[in-house]
Amino acid sequence: MKKFLLATFAGAAVAATIAALGATAQAADLGARPYYDKAPVYAAPLYNWTGFYLGGHLGGVFSGNSTFNGLALTDSSARFMGGVQGGYDWQLSPSWVIGVEGQYSWIGNHQLNAIFPGGYAYNNNQRGIASVTGRVGYTWGPGLIYVKGGYAYSDNNESVTLGGAPALFRLSDDHSNGWTVGAGAEYMFAPNWSAKVEYQYYDFGDSRFTGPAALVPFGTFHNDEHTVKAGINYRFNLGNFGGPMAARY
């Protein structure tokens, strides 16, 4: 019995040794565990100009040097302006943006004066100018350059005096409705926020006096404005809300 137990124990020990050697060989065949770098892959930021926006602007207005056949001078000095704008942009492709914009600007201290022989004086207190325009732009990420054009409106408050007293008058055109063109650049400096600079020209056509009779011979005068504005917009974009959006992997 003792010999049988010794033989059984010896056999079990040999079997255990063989199994251990086999497991070690299999582990060696598997090789070392590979190392995986879990750092996120960098993706260049994407920008989306599509969406509604609202904002404000400040700038200056410069009238053209218009005269009544060279006989009556008008005021072409610069005036301060400030206003609001709003619109919608649609990014057609990675490089092209189209949109529509409405804008109104209040004008400070605009007194367009003309003094005529005989004691007549004309005054136009232009209180504001507005426009509804379409625009087309080229974009590279956060930057956008654009051109615009469309309808223009002038909020005029006109009067004629004779010797300082109010006088009745008539014009061939109220020069309140016209057209406008412009160009500018805009830049997204933060999520939902963009800043812009813009030049815009407004043309309200020619007008002439049809009454009183003393002013009829002086012919027509031209109504136009040159403006330079700097503004800021808040953009209600969907998706990336107007700022950088990293691509997902």
C-alpha atoms as a PDB file:
ATOM      1  CA  MET A   1       0.000   0.000   0.000  1.00  0.00           C
ATOM      2  CA  LYS A   2       2.849   2.359   0.872  1.00  0.00           C
ATOM      3  CA  LYS A   3       4.511   1.710  -2.506  1.00  0.00           C
ATOM      4  CA  PHE A   4       1.207   2.312  -4.274  1.00  0.00           C
ATOM      5  CA  LEU A   5       0.699   5.688  -2.553  1.00  0.00           C
ATOM      6  CA  LEU A   6       4.273   6.799  -3.358  1.00  0.00           C
ATOM      7  CA  ALA A   7       3.818   5.852  -7.006  1.00  0.00           C
ATOM      8  CA  THR A   8       0.505   7.728  -7.204  1.00  0.00           C
ATOM      9  CA  PHE A   9       2.010  10.878  -5.635  1.00  0.00           C
ATOM     10  CA  ALA A  10       5.026  10.763  -7.972  1.00  0.00           C
ATOM     11  CA  GLY A  11       2.745  10.423 -11.000  1.00  0.00           C
ATOM     12  CA  ALA A  12       0.623  13.429  -9.918  1.00  0.00           C
ATOM     13  CA  ALA A  13       3.746  15.553  -9.413  1.00  0.00           C
ATOM     14  CA  VAL A  14       5.042  14.709 -12.889  1.00  0.00           C
ATOM     15  CA  ALA A  15       1.643  15.571 -14.458  1.00  0.00           C
ATOM     16  CA  ALA A  16       1.499  18.926 -12.640  1.00  0.00           C
ATOM     17  CA  THR A  17       5.030  19.790 -13.804  1.00  0.00           C
ATOM     18  CA  ILE A  18       4.180  18.968 -17.447  1.00  0.00           C
ATOM     19  CA  ALA A  19       0.984  21.130 -17.273  1.00  0.00           C
ATOM     20  CA  ALA A  20       2.893  24.092 -15.823  1.00  0.00           C
ATOM     21  CA  LEU A  21       5.523  23.892 -18.568  1.00  0.00           C
ATOM     22  CA  GLY A  22       2.793  23.788 -21.229  1.00  0.00           C
ATOM     23  CA  ALA A  23       1.054  26.911 -19.836  1.00  0.00           C
ATOM     24  CA  THR A  24       4.374  28.784 -19.776  1.00  0.00           C
ATOM     25  CA  ALA A  25       5.017  27.896 -23.416  1.00  0.00           C
ATOM     26  CA  GLN A  26       1.559  29.100 -24.502  1.00  0.00           C
ATOM     27  CA  ALA A  27       2.052  32.421 -22.667  1.00  0.00           C
ATOM     28  CA  ALA A  28       5.388  32.877 -24.412  1.00  0.00           C
ATOM     29  CA  ASP A  29       3.746  32.259 -27.805  1.00  0.00           C
ATOM     30  CA  LEU A  30       1.154  35.057 -27.163  1.00  0.00           C
ATOM     31  CA  GLY A  31       3.861  37.733 -26.880  1.00  0.00           C
ATOM     32  CA  ALA A  32       3.722  41.014 -24.947  1.00  0.00           C
ATOM     33  CA  ARG A  33       0.443  42.966 -24.720  1.00  0.00           C
ATOM     34  CA  PRO A  34       0.448  45.760 -27.329  1.00  0.00           C
ATOM     35  CA  TYR A  35       0.369  49.452 -26.132  1.00  0.00           C
ATOM     36  CA  TYR A  36      -2.499  51.584 -27.342  1.00  0.00           C
ATOM     37  CA  ASP A  37      -2.253  55.396 -27.374  1.00  0.00           C
ATOM     38  CA  LYS A  38      -5.651  56.647 -26.185  1.00  0.00           C
ATOM     39  CA  ALA A  39      -4.942  60.339 -26.847  1.00  0.00           C
ATOM     40  CA  PRO A  40      -7.719  61.924 -29.008  1.00  0.00           C
ATOM     41  CA  VAL A  41      -6.960  62.482 -32.668  1.00  0.00           C
ATOM     42  CA  TYR A  42      -6.740  66.231 -33.452  1.00  0.00           C
ATOM     43  CA  ALA A  43      -9.317  67.514 -35.896  1.00  0.00           C
ATOM     44  CA  ALA A  44      -9.157  70.917 -37.573  1.00  0.00           C
ATOM     45  CA  PRO A  45     -12.039  73.175 -36.453  1.00  0.00           C
ATOM     46  CA  LEU A  46     -15.023  73.559 -38.752  1.00  0.00           C
ATOM     47  CA  TYR A  47     -17.091  76.740 -39.036  1.00  0.00           C
ATOM     48  CA  ASN A  48     -20.690  77.140 -40.105  1.00  0.00           C
ATOM     49  CA  TRP A  49     -22.143  80.501 -41.191  1.00  0.00           C
ATOM     50  CA  THR A  50     -25.682  79.183 -41.658  1.00  0.00           C
ATOM     51  CA  GLY A  51     -28.259  80.770 -39.350  1.00  0.00           C
ATOM     52  CA  PHE A  52     -29.970  83.952 -38.135  1.00  0.00           C
ATOM     53  CA  TYR A  53     -28.114  86.860 -36.544  1.00  0.00           C
ATOM     54  CA  LEU A  54     -28.788  90.196 -34.820  1.00  0.00           C
ATOM     55  CA  GLY A  55     -26.362  92.986 -34.064  1.00  0.00           C
ATOM     56  CA  GLY A  56     -25.457  96.657 -33.951  1.00  0.00           C
ATOM     57  CA  HIS A  57     -23.029  99.051 -35.624  1.00  0.00           C
ATOM     58  CA  LEU A  58     -21.368 102.471 -35.353  1.00  0.00           C
ATOM     59  CA  GLY A  59     -19.794 104.592 -38.057  1.00  0.00           C
ATOM     60  CA  GLY A  60     -19.821 107.729 -40.152  1.00  0.00           C
ATOM     61  CA  VAL A  61     -21.849 109.177 -43.051  1.00  0.00           C
ATOM     62  CA  PHE A  62     -20.418 111.366 -45.806  1.00  0.00           C
ATOM     63  CA  SER A  63     -22.742 113.117 -48.275  1.00  0.00           C
ATOM     64  CA  GLY A  64     -21.775 113.718 -51.865  1.00  0.00           C
ATOM     65  CA  ASN A  65     -20.902 117.325 -52.698  1.00  0.00           C
ATOM     66  CA  SER A  66     -24.094 118.108 -54.593  1.00  0.00           C
ATOM     67  CA  THR A  67     -25.062 121.523 -55.947  1.00  0.00           C
ATOM     68  CA  PHE A  68     -27.977 123.129 -57.729  1.00  0.00           C
ATOM     69  CA  ASN A  69     -26.187 123.829 -61.034  1.00  0.00           C
ATOM     70  CA  GLY A  70     -23.276 125.161 -59.026  1.00  0.00           C
ATOM     71  CA  LEU A  71     -25.323 128.057 -57.607  1.00  0.00           C
ATOM     72  CA  ALA A  72     -26.361 126.707 -54.208  1.00  0.00           C
ATOM     73  CA  LEU A  73     -23.910 124.785 -52.036  1.00  0.00           C
ATOM     74  CA  THR A  74     -24.821 121.807 -49.853  1.00  0.00           C
ATOM     75  CA  ASP A  75     -23.273 120.452 -46.691  1.00  0.00           C
ATOM     76  CA  SER A  76     -21.028 117.419 -47.282  1.00  0.00           C
ATOM     77  CA  SER A  77     -19.469 117.179 -43.812  1.00  0.00           C
ATOM     78  CA  ALA A  78     -19.224 113.860 -41.938  1.00  0.00           C
ATOM     79  CA  ARG A  79     -21.857 112.862 -39.397  1.00  0.00           C
ATOM     80  CA  PHE A  80     -22.015 110.150 -36.761  1.00  0.00           C
ATOM     81  CA  MET A  81     -24.285 107.135 -37.293  1.00  0.00           C
ATOM     82  CA  GLY A  82     -25.327 104.117 -35.256  1.00  0.00           C
ATOM     83  CA  GLY A  83     -27.903 101.417 -35.744  1.00  0.00           C
ATOM     84  CA  VAL A  84     -28.988  97.800 -35.790  1.00  0.00           C
ATOM     85  CA  GLN A  85     -28.956  94.957 -38.295  1.00  0.00           C
ATOM     86  CA  GLY A  86     -30.334  91.460 -38.619  1.00  0.00           C
ATOM     87  CA  GLY A  87     -30.392  88.766 -41.244  1.00  0.00           C
ATOM     88  CA  TYR A  88     -29.908  85.168 -42.298  1.00  0.00           C
ATOM     89  CA  ASP A  89     -26.888  83.489 -43.909  1.00  0.00           C
ATOM     90  CA  TRP A  90     -26.755  80.167 -45.719  1.00  0.00           C
ATOM     91  CA  GLN A  91     -23.429  78.421 -46.307  1.00  0.00           C
ATOM     92  CA  LEU A  92     -23.721  76.752 -49.708  1.00  0.00           C
ATOM     93  CA  SER A  93     -20.330  75.029 -49.594  1.00  0.00           C
ATOM     94  CA  PRO A  94     -17.088  75.168 -47.600  1.00  0.00           C
ATOM     95  CA  SER A  95     -16.197  78.411 -49.441  1.00  0.00           C
ATOM     96  CA  TRP A  96     -19.422  80.243 -50.356  1.00  0.00           C
ATOM     97  CA  VAL A  97     -22.105  81.987 -48.285  1.00  0.00           C
ATOM     98  CA  ILE A  98     -25.254  83.820 -49.411  1.00  0.00           C
ATOM     99  CA  GLY A  99     -27.650  85.799 -47.242  1.00  0.00           C
ATOM    100  CA  VAL A 100     -30.158  88.597 -46.775  1.00  0.00           C
ATOM    101  CA  GLU A 101     -29.871  91.506 -44.327  1.00  0.00           C
ATOM    102  CA  GLY A 102     -31.998  94.370 -43.060  1.00  0.00           C
ATOM    103  CA  GLN A 103     -30.344  97.413 -41.521  1.00  0.00           C
ATOM    104  CA  TYR A 104     -31.343 100.761 -40.005  1.00  0.00           C
ATOM    105  CA  SER A 105     -28.959 103.563 -39.002  1.00  0.00           C
ATOM    106  CA  TRP A 106     -29.795 106.721 -37.036  1.00  0.00           C
ATOM    107  CA  ILE A 107     -27.884 109.796 -38.206  1.00  0.00           C
ATOM    108  CA  GLY A 108     -26.841 112.565 -35.853  1.00  0.00           C
ATOM    109  CA  ASN A 109     -26.689 116.287 -36.656  1.00  0.00           C
ATOM    110  CA  HIS A 110     -27.413 116.036 -40.351  1.00  0.00           C
ATOM    111  CA  GLN A 111     -28.476 119.409 -41.674  1.00  0.00           C
ATOM    112  CA  LEU A 112     -28.276 119.566 -45.475  1.00  0.00           C
ATOM    113  CA  ASN A 113     -28.600 123.256 -46.296  1.00  0.00           C
ATOM    114  CA  ALA A 114     -28.845 125.274 -49.496  1.00  0.00           C
ATOM    115  CA  ILE A 115     -29.097 129.067 -49.641  1.00  0.00           C
ATOM    116  CA  PHE A 116     -30.706 130.597 -52.749  1.00  0.00           C
ATOM    117  CA  PRO A 117     -30.746 134.176 -54.052  1.00  0.00           C
ATOM    118  CA  GLY A 118     -33.889 136.027 -53.028  1.00  0.00           C
ATOM    119  CA  GLY A 119     -33.947 134.845 -49.420  1.00  0.00           C
ATOM    120  CA  TYR A 120     -34.997 131.219 -49.902  1.00  0.00           C
ATOM    121  CA  ALA A 121     -33.261 128.463 -47.910  1.00  0.00           C
ATOM    122  CA  TYR A 122     -33.667 124.686 -48.117  1.00  0.00           C
ATOM    123  CA  ASN A 123     -32.995 122.311 -45.215  1.00  0.00           C
ATOM    124  CA  ASN A 124     -33.088 118.516 -45.054  1.00  0.00           C
ATOM    125  CA  ASN A 125     -32.698 116.953 -41.635  1.00  0.00           C
ATOM    126  CA  GLN A 126     -31.981 113.351 -42.615  1.00  0.00           C
ATOM    127  CA  ARG A 127     -32.815 111.349 -39.501  1.00  0.00           C
ATOM    128  CA  GLY A 128     -31.820 107.890 -40.719  1.00  0.00           C
ATOM    129  CA  ILE A 129     -31.078 105.531 -43.588  1.00  0.00           C
ATOM    130  CA  ALA A 130     -32.102 101.906 -44.012  1.00  0.00           C
ATOM    131  CA  SER A 131     -31.531  99.065 -46.442  1.00  0.00           C
ATOM    132  CA  VAL A 132     -32.678  95.556 -47.325  1.00  0.00           C
ATOM    133  CA  THR A 133     -29.934  93.762 -49.219  1.00  0.00           C
ATOM    134  CA  GLY A 134     -28.776  90.407 -50.455  1.00  0.00           C
ATOM    135  CA  ARG A 135     -25.148  89.467 -50.045  1.00  0.00           C
ATOM    136  CA  VAL A 136     -22.668  86.932 -51.427  1.00  0.00           C
ATOM    137  CA  GLY A 137     -19.492  86.042 -49.591  1.00  0.00           C
ATOM    138  CA  TYR A 138     -16.344  83.936 -49.763  1.00  0.00           C
ATOM    139  CA  THR A 139     -15.307  82.244 -46.524  1.00  0.00           C
ATOM    140  CA  TRP A 140     -12.212  80.497 -45.182  1.00  0.00           C
ATOM    141  CA  GLY A 141     -13.116  79.109 -41.764  1.00  0.00           C
ATOM    142  CA  PRO A 142     -13.791  82.002 -39.376  1.00  0.00           C
ATOM    143  CA  GLY A 143     -13.269  84.715 -42.023  1.00  0.00           C
ATOM    144  CA  LEU A 144     -15.759  86.045 -44.594  1.00  0.00           C
ATOM    145  CA  ILE A 145     -15.491  88.727 -47.284  1.00  0.00           C
ATOM    146  CA  TYR A 146     -18.675  89.774 -49.075  1.00  0.00           C
ATOM    147  CA  VAL A 147     -20.459  92.145 -51.436  1.00  0.00           C
ATOM    148  CA  LYS A 148     -24.051  93.306 -50.994  1.00  0.00           C
ATOM    149  CA  GLY A 149     -26.736  95.305 -52.769  1.00  0.00           C
ATOM    150  CA  GLY A 150     -30.448  96.079 -52.763  1.00  0.00           C
ATOM    151  CA  TYR A 151     -33.116  98.575 -51.669  1.00  0.00           C
ATOM    152  CA  ALA A 152     -32.360 101.754 -49.684  1.00  0.00           C
ATOM    153  CA  TYR A 153     -34.581 104.151 -47.732  1.00  0.00           C
ATOM    154  CA  SER A 154     -33.880 107.682 -46.417  1.00  0.00           C
ATOM    155  CA  ASP A 155     -35.876 109.139 -43.517  1.00  0.00           C
ATOM    156  CA  ASN A 156     -36.020 112.813 -44.553  1.00  0.00           C
ATOM    157  CA  ASN A 157     -37.478 115.828 -42.746  1.00  0.00           C
ATOM    158  CA  GLU A 158     -37.359 118.708 -45.251  1.00  0.00           C
ATOM    159  CA  SER A 159     -38.331 122.357 -45.149  1.00  0.00           C
ATOM    160  CA  VAL A 160     -38.014 125.584 -47.148  1.00  0.00           C
ATOM    161  CA  THR A 161     -37.985 129.033 -45.589  1.00  0.00           C
ATOM    162  CA  LEU A 162     -38.264 132.533 -47.048  1.00  0.00           C
ATOM    163  CA  GLY A 163     -36.626 135.174 -44.889  1.00  0.00           C
ATOM    164  CA  GLY A 164     -36.670 132.705 -42.002  1.00  0.00           C
ATOM    165  CA  ALA A 165     -40.416 131.966 -42.261  1.00  0.00           C
ATOM    166  CA  PRO A 166     -41.738 128.552 -43.444  1.00  0.00           C
ATOM    167  CA  ALA A 167     -42.663 128.447 -47.136  1.00  0.00           C
ATOM    168  CA  LEU A 168     -44.603 125.930 -49.230  1.00  0.00           C
ATOM    169  CA  PHE A 169     -42.532 123.870 -51.685  1.00  0.00           C
ATOM    170  CA  ARG A 170     -42.772 120.856 -53.976  1.00  0.00           C
ATOM    171  CA  LEU A 171     -40.123 118.439 -55.211  1.00  0.00           C
ATOM    172  CA  SER A 172     -40.201 116.227 -58.285  1.00  0.00           C
ATOM    173  CA  ASP A 173     -39.096 113.269 -56.168  1.00  0.00           C
ATOM    174  CA  ASP A 174     -39.168 112.735 -52.409  1.00  0.00           C
ATOM    175  CA  HIS A 175     -35.721 111.037 -52.687  1.00  0.00           C
ATOM    176  CA  SER A 176     -36.659 108.649 -49.892  1.00  0.00           C
ATOM    177  CA  ASN A 177     -36.363 105.465 -51.974  1.00  0.00           C
ATOM    178  CA  GLY A 178     -33.219 104.337 -53.758  1.00  0.00           C
ATOM    179  CA  TRP A 179     -30.586 101.628 -54.077  1.00  0.00           C
ATOM    180  CA  THR A 180     -27.413 100.641 -52.284  1.00  0.00           C
ATOM    181  CA  VAL A 181     -24.253  98.579 -52.819  1.00  0.00           C
ATOM    182  CA  GLY A 182     -21.444  97.734 -50.459  1.00  0.00           C
ATOM    183  CA  ALA A 183     -18.658  95.390 -49.407  1.00  0.00           C
ATOM    184  CA  GLY A 184     -17.189  94.210 -46.149  1.00  0.00           C
ATOM    185  CA  ALA A 185     -15.365  91.625 -44.073  1.00  0.00           C
ATOM    186  CA  GLU A 186     -16.587  89.618 -41.086  1.00  0.00           C
ATOM    187  CA  TYR A 187     -14.768  87.375 -38.605  1.00  0.00           C
ATOM    188  CA  MET A 188     -15.995  84.847 -36.012  1.00  0.00           C
ATOM    189  CA  PHE A 189     -13.934  85.663 -32.935  1.00  0.00           C
ATOM    190  CA  ALA A 190     -15.882  83.470 -30.464  1.00  0.00           C
ATOM    191  CA  PRO A 191     -18.725  80.940 -30.483  1.00  0.00           C
ATOM    192  CA  ASN A 192     -21.902  82.750 -31.636  1.00  0.00           C
ATOM    193  CA  TRP A 193     -20.085  86.097 -32.061  1.00  0.00           C
ATOM    194  CA  SER A 194     -18.702  87.818 -35.155  1.00  0.00           C
ATOM    195  CA  ALA A 195     -17.337  91.306 -35.874  1.00  0.00           C
ATOM    196  CA  LYS A 196     -17.445  93.171 -39.185  1.00  0.00           C
ATOM    197  CA  VAL A 197     -16.310  96.294 -41.020  1.00  0.00           C
ATOM    198  CA  GLU A 198     -18.261  97.555 -44.021  1.00  0.00           C
ATOM    199  CA  TYR A 199     -18.457 100.257 -46.671  1.00  0.00           C
ATOM    200  CA  GLN A 200     -21.909 101.018 -48.114  1.00  0.00           C
ATOM    201  CA  TYR A 201     -23.020 103.512 -50.761  1.00  0.00           C
ATOM    202  CA  TYR A 202     -26.612 104.796 -50.900  1.00  0.00           C
ATOM    203  CA  ASP A 203     -28.117 106.549 -53.937  1.00  0.00           C
ATOM    204  CA  PHE A 204     -31.538 108.248 -53.787  1.00  0.00           C
ATOM    205  CA  GLY A 205     -31.544 109.768 -57.263  1.00  0.00           C
ATOM    206  CA  ASP A 206     -32.038 113.320 -58.495  1.00  0.00           C
ATOM    207  CA  SER A 207     -34.640 115.830 -57.333  1.00  0.00           C
ATOM    208  CA  ARG A 208     -35.650 119.314 -58.468  1.00  0.00           C
ATOM    209  CA  PHE A 209     -38.011 121.967 -57.192  1.00  0.00           C
ATOM    210  CA  THR A 210     -41.356 122.267 -58.949  1.00  0.00           C
ATOM    211  CA  GLY A 211     -42.437 125.044 -56.567  1.00  0.00           C
ATOM    212  CA  PRO A 212     -42.128 127.805 -55.579  1.00  0.00           C
ATOM    213  CA  ALA A 213     -41.486 129.288 -59.005  1.00  0.00           C
ATOM    214  CA  ALA A 214     -38.376 131.146 -57.808  1.00  0.00           C
ATOM    215  CA  LEU A 215     -36.565 127.821 -57.160  1.00  0.00           C
ATOM    216  CA  VAL A 216     -37.529 126.010 -60.367  1.00  0.00           C
ATOM    217  CA  PRO A 217     -34.695 127.498 -62.494  1.00  0.00           C
ATOM    218  CA  PHE A 218     -32.005 126.083 -60.196  1.00  0.00           C
ATOM    219  CA  GLY A 219     -32.351 122.577 -61.668  1.00  0.00           C
ATOM    220  CA  THR A 220     -31.763 119.235 -59.996  1.00  0.00           C
ATOM    221  CA  PHE A 221     -29.645 118.088 -57.081  1.00  0.00           C
ATOM    222  CA  HIS A 222     -28.326 114.597 -56.369  1.00  0.00           C
ATOM    223  CA  ASN A 223     -28.918 112.664 -53.140  1.00  0.00           C
ATOM    224  CA  ASP A 224     -26.296 110.090 -52.143  1.00  0.00           C
ATOM    225  CA  GLU A 225     -24.418 108.910 -49.058  1.00  0.00           C
ATOM    226  CA  HIS A 226     -21.105 107.154 -48.391  1.00  0.00           C
ATOM    227  CA  THR A 227     -20.926 105.228 -45.115  1.00  0.00           C
ATOM    228  CA  VAL A 228     -18.256 103.334 -43.181  1.00  0.00           C
ATOM    229  CA  LYS A 229     -19.415 101.063 -40.343  1.00  0.00           C
ATOM    230  CA  ALA A 230     -17.991  98.673 -37.764  1.00  0.00           C
ATOM    231  CA  GLY A 231     -20.364  96.234 -36.097  1.00  0.00           C
ATOM    232  CA  ILE A 232     -20.855  93.090 -34.069  1.00  0.00           C
ATOM    233  CA  ASN A 233     -23.346  90.233 -34.555  1.00  0.00           C
ATOM    234  CA  TYR A 234     -24.753  87.528 -32.310  1.00  0.00           C
ATOM    235  CA  ARG A 235     -25.420  84.381 -34.365  1.00  0.00           C
ATOM    236  CA  PHE A 236     -28.173  81.899 -33.531  1.00  0.00           C
ATOM    237  CA  ASN A 237     -26.576  79.071 -35.506  1.00  0.00           C
ATOM    238  CA  LEU A 238     -27.710  75.489 -35.204  1.00  0.00           C
ATOM    239  CA  GLY A 239     -25.266  72.635 -34.742  1.00  0.00           C
ATOM    240  CA  ASN A 240     -22.009  74.348 -33.837  1.00  0.00           C
ATOM    241  CA  PHE A 241     -23.681  77.653 -32.829  1.00  0.00           C
ATOM    242  CA  GLY A 242     -21.436  79.644 -35.130  1.00  0.00           C
ATOM    243  CA  GLY A 243     -18.124  78.627 -33.588  1.00  0.00           C
ATOM    244  CA  PRO A 244     -15.506  75.909 -34.014  1.00  0.00           C
ATOM    245  CA  MET A 245     -16.754  72.330 -34.003  1.00  0.00           C
ATOM    246  CA  ALA A 246     -14.317  69.428 -33.786  1.00  0.00           C
ATOM    247  CA  ALA A 247     -14.993  66.438 -36.011  1.00  0.00           C
ATOM    248  CA  ARG A 248     -15.955  63.286 -34.153  1.00  0.00           C
ATOM    249  CA  TYR A 249     -14.215  59.927 -34.491  1.00  0.00           C
END
